[in-house]
Amino acid sequence: KARFTLDPSAHPGAIDYVNLEGSNAGKSQAGI
């Protein structure tokens, strides 16, 4: 469960998470 932002202008599109629950709560993750 994460709050996310999308950047469709990046190629490929960028997605960033801030985890809301679990062992990674509070940690950020970067993706495409």
PDB file of all heavy atoms in Angstrom:
ATOM      1  N   LYS A   1       0.881  -1.163   0.000  1.00  0.00           N
ATOM      2  CA  LYS A   1       0.000   0.000   0.000  1.00  0.00           C
ATOM      3  C   LYS A   1       0.916   1.209   0.000  1.00  0.00           C
ATOM      4  O   LYS A   1       1.776   1.339   0.877  1.00  0.00           O
ATOM      5  CB  LYS A   1      -0.933   0.012   1.213  1.00  0.00           C
ATOM      6  CG  LYS A   1      -1.968   1.131   1.125  1.00  0.00           C
ATOM      7  CD  LYS A   1      -3.019   0.997   2.217  1.00  0.00           C
ATOM      8  CE  LYS A   1      -4.077   2.070   2.073  1.00  0.00           C
ATOM      9  NZ  LYS A   1      -5.046   1.990   3.175  1.00  0.00           N
ATOM     10  N   ALA A   2       0.772   2.050  -1.017  1.00  0.00           N
ATOM     11  CA  ALA A   2       1.692   3.168  -1.173  1.00  0.00           C
ATOM     12  C   ALA A   2       0.982   4.372  -1.771  1.00  0.00           C
ATOM     13  O   ALA A   2       0.046   4.238  -2.555  1.00  0.00           O
ATOM     14  CB  ALA A   2       2.861   2.771  -2.079  1.00  0.00           C
ATOM     15  N   ARG A   3       1.464   5.553  -1.374  1.00  0.00           N
ATOM     16  CA  ARG A   3       1.074   6.793  -2.051  1.00  0.00           C
ATOM     17  C   ARG A   3       2.057   6.928  -3.214  1.00  0.00           C
ATOM     18  O   ARG A   3       3.230   6.611  -3.073  1.00  0.00           O
ATOM     19  CB  ARG A   3       1.179   7.962  -1.073  1.00  0.00           C
ATOM     20  CG  ARG A   3       0.770   9.281  -1.677  1.00  0.00           C
ATOM     21  CD  ARG A   3       0.347  10.294  -0.596  1.00  0.00           C
ATOM     22  NE  ARG A   3      -1.076  10.078  -0.324  1.00  0.00           N
ATOM     23  CZ  ARG A   3      -1.604   9.818   0.863  1.00  0.00           C
ATOM     24  NH1 ARG A   3      -0.882   9.764   1.921  1.00  0.00           N
ATOM     25  NH2 ARG A   3      -2.907   9.631   1.010  1.00  0.00           N
ATOM     26  N   PHE A   4       1.571   7.365  -4.375  1.00  0.00           N
ATOM     27  CA  PHE A   4       2.445   7.400  -5.532  1.00  0.00           C
ATOM     28  C   PHE A   4       2.289   8.685  -6.318  1.00  0.00           C
ATOM     29  O   PHE A   4       1.294   9.391  -6.197  1.00  0.00           O
ATOM     30  CB  PHE A   4       2.183   6.200  -6.457  1.00  0.00           C
ATOM     31  CG  PHE A   4       0.848   6.265  -7.152  1.00  0.00           C
ATOM     32  CD1 PHE A   4       0.736   6.815  -8.425  1.00  0.00           C
ATOM     33  CD2 PHE A   4      -0.298   5.787  -6.540  1.00  0.00           C
ATOM     34  CE1 PHE A   4      -0.495   6.898  -9.059  1.00  0.00           C
ATOM     35  CE2 PHE A   4      -1.528   5.868  -7.167  1.00  0.00           C
ATOM     36  CZ  PHE A   4      -1.627   6.428  -8.427  1.00  0.00           C
ATOM     37  N   THR A   5       3.305   8.969  -7.120  1.00  0.00           N
ATOM     38  CA  THR A   5       3.247  10.039  -8.109  1.00  0.00           C
ATOM     39  C   THR A   5       3.692   9.457  -9.440  1.00  0.00           C
ATOM     40  O   THR A   5       4.522   8.534  -9.485  1.00  0.00           O
ATOM     41  CB  THR A   5       4.158  11.232  -7.737  1.00  0.00           C
ATOM     42  OG1 THR A   5       5.490  10.754  -7.558  1.00  0.00           O
ATOM     43  CG2 THR A   5       3.674  11.920  -6.472  1.00  0.00           C
ATOM     44  N   LEU A   6       3.115   9.976 -10.503  1.00  0.00           N
ATOM     45  CA  LEU A   6       3.460   9.560 -11.867  1.00  0.00           C
ATOM     46  C   LEU A   6       4.093  10.736 -12.597  1.00  0.00           C
ATOM     47  O   LEU A   6       3.652  11.872 -12.436  1.00  0.00           O
ATOM     48  CB  LEU A   6       2.203   9.141 -12.646  1.00  0.00           C
ATOM     49  CG  LEU A   6       1.392   7.974 -12.107  1.00  0.00           C
ATOM     50  CD1 LEU A   6       0.152   7.767 -12.978  1.00  0.00           C
ATOM     51  CD2 LEU A   6       2.219   6.702 -12.061  1.00  0.00           C
ATOM     52  N   ASP A   7       5.096  10.447 -13.415  1.00  0.00           N
ATOM     53  CA  ASP A   7       5.669  11.449 -14.309  1.00  0.00           C
ATOM     54  C   ASP A   7       5.620  10.892 -15.726  1.00  0.00           C
ATOM     55  O   ASP A   7       6.532  10.204 -16.170  1.00  0.00           O
ATOM     56  CB  ASP A   7       7.109  11.790 -13.919  1.00  0.00           C
ATOM     57  CG  ASP A   7       7.725  12.825 -14.865  1.00  0.00           C
ATOM     58  OD1 ASP A   7       7.045  13.269 -15.820  1.00  0.00           O
ATOM     59  OD2 ASP A   7       8.902  13.164 -14.664  1.00  0.00           O
ATOM     60  N   PRO A   8       4.497  11.167 -16.445  1.00  0.00           N
ATOM     61  CA  PRO A   8       4.347  10.615 -17.790  1.00  0.00           C
ATOM     62  C   PRO A   8       5.278  11.269 -18.811  1.00  0.00           C
ATOM     63  O   PRO A   8       5.429  10.756 -19.911  1.00  0.00           O
ATOM     64  CB  PRO A   8       2.878  10.878 -18.131  1.00  0.00           C
ATOM     65  CG  PRO A   8       2.454  11.989 -17.236  1.00  0.00           C
ATOM     66  CD  PRO A   8       3.330  11.923 -16.005  1.00  0.00           C
ATOM     67  N   SER A   9       5.948  12.367 -18.440  1.00  0.00           N
ATOM     68  CA  SER A   9       6.844  13.029 -19.391  1.00  0.00           C
ATOM     69  C   SER A   9       8.188  12.303 -19.499  1.00  0.00           C
ATOM     70  O   SER A   9       8.925  12.512 -20.456  1.00  0.00           O
ATOM     71  CB  SER A   9       7.065  14.491 -19.004  1.00  0.00           C
ATOM     72  OG  SER A   9       7.815  14.574 -17.810  1.00  0.00           O
ATOM     73  N   ALA A  10       8.523  11.465 -18.520  1.00  0.00           N
ATOM     74  CA  ALA A  10       9.760  10.684 -18.582  1.00  0.00           C
ATOM     75  C   ALA A  10       9.562   9.530 -19.571  1.00  0.00           C
ATOM     76  O   ALA A  10       8.431   9.129 -19.854  1.00  0.00           O
ATOM     77  CB  ALA A  10      10.105  10.152 -17.191  1.00  0.00           C
ATOM     78  N   HIS A  11      10.657   8.998 -20.090  1.00  0.00           N
ATOM     79  CA  HIS A  11      10.579   7.853 -21.024  1.00  0.00           C
ATOM     80  C   HIS A  11      11.524   6.765 -20.566  1.00  0.00           C
ATOM     81  O   HIS A  11      12.727   6.948 -20.642  1.00  0.00           O
ATOM     82  CB  HIS A  11      10.916   8.302 -22.445  1.00  0.00           C
ATOM     83  CG  HIS A  11       9.903   9.246 -22.998  1.00  0.00           C
ATOM     84  ND1 HIS A  11       8.672   8.840 -23.437  1.00  0.00           N
ATOM     85  CD2 HIS A  11       9.926  10.587 -23.134  1.00  0.00           C
ATOM     86  CE1 HIS A  11       7.986   9.910 -23.846  1.00  0.00           C
ATOM     87  NE2 HIS A  11       8.723  10.971 -23.660  1.00  0.00           N
ATOM     88  N   PRO A  12      11.018   5.587 -20.091  1.00  0.00           N
ATOM     89  CA  PRO A  12       9.584   5.345 -19.835  1.00  0.00           C
ATOM     90  C   PRO A  12       9.075   6.213 -18.687  1.00  0.00           C
ATOM     91  O   PRO A  12       9.868   6.847 -17.999  1.00  0.00           O
ATOM     92  CB  PRO A  12       9.552   3.860 -19.476  1.00  0.00           C
ATOM     93  CG  PRO A  12      10.925   3.536 -18.982  1.00  0.00           C
ATOM     94  CD  PRO A  12      11.864   4.470 -19.693  1.00  0.00           C
ATOM     95  N   GLY A  13       7.744   6.200 -18.510  1.00  0.00           N
ATOM     96  CA  GLY A  13       7.132   6.982 -17.435  1.00  0.00           C
ATOM     97  C   GLY A  13       7.734   6.610 -16.088  1.00  0.00           C
ATOM     98  O   GLY A  13       8.094   5.462 -15.854  1.00  0.00           O
ATOM     99  N   ALA A  14       7.843   7.602 -15.204  1.00  0.00           N
ATOM    100  CA  ALA A  14       8.398   7.368 -13.866  1.00  0.00           C
ATOM    101  C   ALA A  14       7.260   7.271 -12.855  1.00  0.00           C
ATOM    102  O   ALA A  14       6.277   8.001 -12.940  1.00  0.00           O
ATOM    103  CB  ALA A  14       9.350   8.499 -13.489  1.00  0.00           C
ATOM    104  N   ILE A  15       7.411   6.334 -11.920  1.00  0.00           N
ATOM    105  CA  ILE A  15       6.472   6.195 -10.812  1.00  0.00           C
ATOM    106  C   ILE A  15       7.286   6.137  -9.527  1.00  0.00           C
ATOM    107  O   ILE A  15       8.345   5.501  -9.490  1.00  0.00           O
ATOM    108  CB  ILE A  15       5.551   4.958 -10.976  1.00  0.00           C
ATOM    109  CG1 ILE A  15       4.523   4.854  -9.840  1.00  0.00           C
ATOM    110  CG2 ILE A  15       6.349   3.668 -11.145  1.00  0.00           C
ATOM    111  CD1 ILE A  15       3.414   3.837 -10.089  1.00  0.00           C
ATOM    112  N   ASP A  16       6.825   6.865  -8.521  1.00  0.00           N
ATOM    113  CA  ASP A  16       7.506   6.880  -7.228  1.00  0.00           C
ATOM    114  C   ASP A  16       6.503   6.511  -6.143  1.00  0.00           C
ATOM    115  O   ASP A  16       5.383   7.031  -6.137  1.00  0.00           O
ATOM    116  CB  ASP A  16       8.100   8.263  -6.948  1.00  0.00           C
ATOM    117  CG  ASP A  16       9.256   8.560  -7.879  1.00  0.00           C
ATOM    118  OD1 ASP A  16      10.317   7.933  -7.708  1.00  0.00           O
ATOM    119  OD2 ASP A  16       9.096   9.385  -8.788  1.00  0.00           O
ATOM    120  N   TYR A  17       6.921   5.602  -5.255  1.00  0.00           N
ATOM    121  CA  TYR A  17       6.088   5.178  -4.130  1.00  0.00           C
ATOM    122  C   TYR A  17       6.650   5.740  -2.837  1.00  0.00           C
ATOM    123  O   TYR A  17       7.872   5.838  -2.677  1.00  0.00           O
ATOM    124  CB  TYR A  17       6.154   3.656  -3.941  1.00  0.00           C
ATOM    125  CG  TYR A  17       5.438   2.781  -4.908  1.00  0.00           C
ATOM    126  CD1 TYR A  17       5.665   1.402  -4.885  1.00  0.00           C
ATOM    127  CD2 TYR A  17       4.533   3.272  -5.846  1.00  0.00           C
ATOM    128  CE1 TYR A  17       5.021   0.543  -5.744  1.00  0.00           C
ATOM    129  CE2 TYR A  17       3.883   2.407  -6.713  1.00  0.00           C
ATOM    130  CZ  TYR A  17       4.125   1.048  -6.660  1.00  0.00           C
ATOM    131  OH  TYR A  17       3.489   0.195  -7.519  1.00  0.00           O
ATOM    132  N   VAL A  18       5.751   6.034  -1.896  1.00  0.00           N
ATOM    133  CA  VAL A  18       6.097   6.122  -0.482  1.00  0.00           C
ATOM    134  C   VAL A  18       5.219   5.073   0.189  1.00  0.00           C
ATOM    135  O   VAL A  18       3.986   5.171   0.169  1.00  0.00           O
ATOM    136  CB  VAL A  18       5.841   7.519   0.112  1.00  0.00           C
ATOM    137  CG1 VAL A  18       6.097   7.506   1.620  1.00  0.00           C
ATOM    138  CG2 VAL A  18       6.721   8.562  -0.571  1.00  0.00           C
ATOM    139  N   ASN A  19       5.853   4.032   0.727  1.00  0.00           N
ATOM    140  CA  ASN A  19       5.119   2.924   1.323  1.00  0.00           C
ATOM    141  C   ASN A  19       4.386   3.368   2.582  1.00  0.00           C
ATOM    142  O   ASN A  19       4.950   4.067   3.419  1.00  0.00           O
ATOM    143  CB  ASN A  19       6.083   1.774   1.623  1.00  0.00           C
ATOM    144  CG  ASN A  19       6.548   1.092   0.351  1.00  0.00           C
ATOM    145  OD1 ASN A  19       5.828   0.300  -0.228  1.00  0.00           O
ATOM    146  ND2 ASN A  19       7.746   1.433  -0.097  1.00  0.00           N
ATOM    147  N   LEU A  20       3.127   2.948   2.700  1.00  0.00           N
ATOM    148  CA  LEU A  20       2.274   3.341   3.818  1.00  0.00           C
ATOM    149  C   LEU A  20       2.141   2.252   4.875  1.00  0.00           C
ATOM    150  O   LEU A  20       1.744   2.514   5.996  1.00  0.00           O
ATOM    151  CB  LEU A  20       0.874   3.713   3.303  1.00  0.00           C
ATOM    152  CG  LEU A  20       0.822   4.877   2.311  1.00  0.00           C
ATOM    153  CD1 LEU A  20      -0.583   5.040   1.765  1.00  0.00           C
ATOM    154  CD2 LEU A  20       1.310   6.161   2.952  1.00  0.00           C
ATOM    155  N   GLU A  21       2.447   1.001   4.503  1.00  0.00           N
ATOM    156  CA  GLU A  21       2.247  -0.129   5.412  1.00  0.00           C
ATOM    157  C   GLU A  21       3.369  -1.127   5.245  1.00  0.00           C
ATOM    158  O   GLU A  21       4.112  -1.088   4.268  1.00  0.00           O
ATOM    159  CB  GLU A  21       0.928  -0.864   5.088  1.00  0.00           C
ATOM    160  CG  GLU A  21      -0.311  -0.094   5.418  1.00  0.00           C
ATOM    161  CD  GLU A  21      -1.596  -0.885   5.130  1.00  0.00           C
ATOM    162  OE1 GLU A  21      -1.516  -2.065   4.755  1.00  0.00           O
ATOM    163  OE2 GLU A  21      -2.672  -0.305   5.282  1.00  0.00           O
ATOM    164  N   GLY A  22       3.453  -2.062   6.196  1.00  0.00           N
ATOM    165  CA  GLY A  22       4.358  -3.191   6.070  1.00  0.00           C
ATOM    166  C   GLY A  22       5.800  -2.875   6.430  1.00  0.00           C
ATOM    167  O   GLY A  22       6.106  -1.818   6.987  1.00  0.00           O
ATOM    168  N   SER A  23       6.708  -3.795   6.094  1.00  0.00           N
ATOM    169  CA  SER A  23       8.112  -3.687   6.494  1.00  0.00           C
ATOM    170  C   SER A  23       8.807  -2.490   5.856  1.00  0.00           C
ATOM    171  O   SER A  23       9.812  -2.014   6.372  1.00  0.00           O
ATOM    172  CB  SER A  23       8.860  -4.975   6.140  1.00  0.00           C
ATOM    173  OG  SER A  23       8.768  -5.229   4.754  1.00  0.00           O
ATOM    174  N   ASN A  24       8.274  -1.984   4.728  1.00  0.00           N
ATOM    175  CA  ASN A  24       8.873  -0.828   4.068  1.00  0.00           C
ATOM    176  C   ASN A  24       8.139   0.489   4.360  1.00  0.00           C
ATOM    177  O   ASN A  24       8.359   1.478   3.656  1.00  0.00           O
ATOM    178  CB  ASN A  24       8.930  -1.051   2.557  1.00  0.00           C
ATOM    179  CG  ASN A  24       9.937  -2.127   2.188  1.00  0.00           C
ATOM    180  OD1 ASN A  24      10.985  -2.242   2.809  1.00  0.00           O
ATOM    181  ND2 ASN A  24       9.608  -2.929   1.195  1.00  0.00           N
ATOM    182  N   ALA A  25       7.264   0.511   5.370  1.00  0.00           N
ATOM    183  CA  ALA A  25       6.486   1.719   5.676  1.00  0.00           C
ATOM    184  C   ALA A  25       7.414   2.921   5.832  1.00  0.00           C
ATOM    185  O   ALA A  25       8.434   2.839   6.510  1.00  0.00           O
ATOM    186  CB  ALA A  25       5.654   1.514   6.937  1.00  0.00           C
ATOM    187  N   GLY A  26       7.048   4.018   5.153  1.00  0.00           N
ATOM    188  CA  GLY A  26       7.826   5.240   5.223  1.00  0.00           C
ATOM    189  C   GLY A  26       8.966   5.313   4.220  1.00  0.00           C
ATOM    190  O   GLY A  26       9.552   6.361   4.016  1.00  0.00           O
ATOM    191  N   LYS A  27       9.295   4.179   3.582  1.00  0.00           N
ATOM    192  CA  LYS A  27      10.404   4.155   2.624  1.00  0.00           C
ATOM    193  C   LYS A  27       9.910   4.486   1.220  1.00  0.00           C
ATOM    194  O   LYS A  27       8.792   4.138   0.842  1.00  0.00           O
ATOM    195  CB  LYS A  27      11.078   2.778   2.606  1.00  0.00           C
ATOM    196  CG  LYS A  27      11.764   2.439   3.916  1.00  0.00           C
ATOM    197  CD  LYS A  27      12.446   1.099   3.829  1.00  0.00           C
ATOM    198  CE  LYS A  27      13.096   0.730   5.161  1.00  0.00           C
ATOM    199  NZ  LYS A  27      13.565  -0.651   5.166  1.00  0.00           N
ATOM    200  N   SER A  28      10.781   5.142   0.460  1.00  0.00           N
ATOM    201  CA  SER A  28      10.472   5.480  -0.931  1.00  0.00           C
ATOM    202  C   SER A  28      11.004   4.406  -1.868  1.00  0.00           C
ATOM    203  O   SER A  28      11.999   3.746  -1.561  1.00  0.00           O
ATOM    204  CB  SER A  28      11.121   6.812  -1.298  1.00  0.00           C
ATOM    205  OG  SER A  28      10.593   7.837  -0.490  1.00  0.00           O
ATOM    206  N   GLN A  29      10.321   4.255  -3.001  1.00  0.00           N
ATOM    207  CA  GLN A  29      10.773   3.353  -4.057  1.00  0.00           C
ATOM    208  C   GLN A  29      10.586   4.051  -5.388  1.00  0.00           C
ATOM    209  O   GLN A  29       9.584   4.731  -5.594  1.00  0.00           O
ATOM    210  CB  GLN A  29       9.947   2.059  -4.066  1.00  0.00           C
ATOM    211  CG  GLN A  29      10.309   1.084  -2.986  1.00  0.00           C
ATOM    212  CD  GLN A  29       9.438  -0.155  -3.057  1.00  0.00           C
ATOM    213  OE1 GLN A  29       8.423  -0.224  -2.388  1.00  0.00           O
ATOM    214  NE2 GLN A  29       9.822  -1.110  -3.871  1.00  0.00           N
ATOM    215  N   ALA A  30      11.563   3.859  -6.288  1.00  0.00           N
ATOM    216  CA  ALA A  30      11.523   4.463  -7.619  1.00  0.00           C
ATOM    217  C   ALA A  30      11.261   3.380  -8.652  1.00  0.00           C
ATOM    218  O   ALA A  30      11.788   2.267  -8.554  1.00  0.00           O
ATOM    219  CB  ALA A  30      12.853   5.156  -7.917  1.00  0.00           C
ATOM    220  N   GLY A  31      10.431   3.719  -9.646  1.00  0.00           N
ATOM    221  CA  GLY A  31      10.120   2.734 -10.667  1.00  0.00           C
ATOM    222  C   GLY A  31       9.793   3.386 -11.992  1.00  0.00           C
ATOM    223  O   GLY A  31       9.865   4.612 -12.154  1.00  0.00           O
ATOM    224  N   ILE A  32       9.451   2.525 -12.940  1.00  0.00           N
ATOM    225  CA  ILE A  32       9.015   2.957 -14.263  1.00  0.00           C
ATOM    226  C   ILE A  32       7.696   2.262 -14.577  1.00  0.00           C
ATOM    227  O   ILE A  32       7.387   1.209 -14.012  1.00  0.00           O
ATOM    228  CB  ILE A  32      10.075   2.643 -15.357  1.00  0.00           C
ATOM    229  CG1 ILE A  32      10.470   1.158 -15.345  1.00  0.00           C
ATOM    230  CG2 ILE A  32      11.294   3.550 -15.177  1.00  0.00           C
ATOM    231  CD1 ILE A  32      11.439   0.745 -16.461  1.00  0.00           C
TER     232      ILE A  32
END
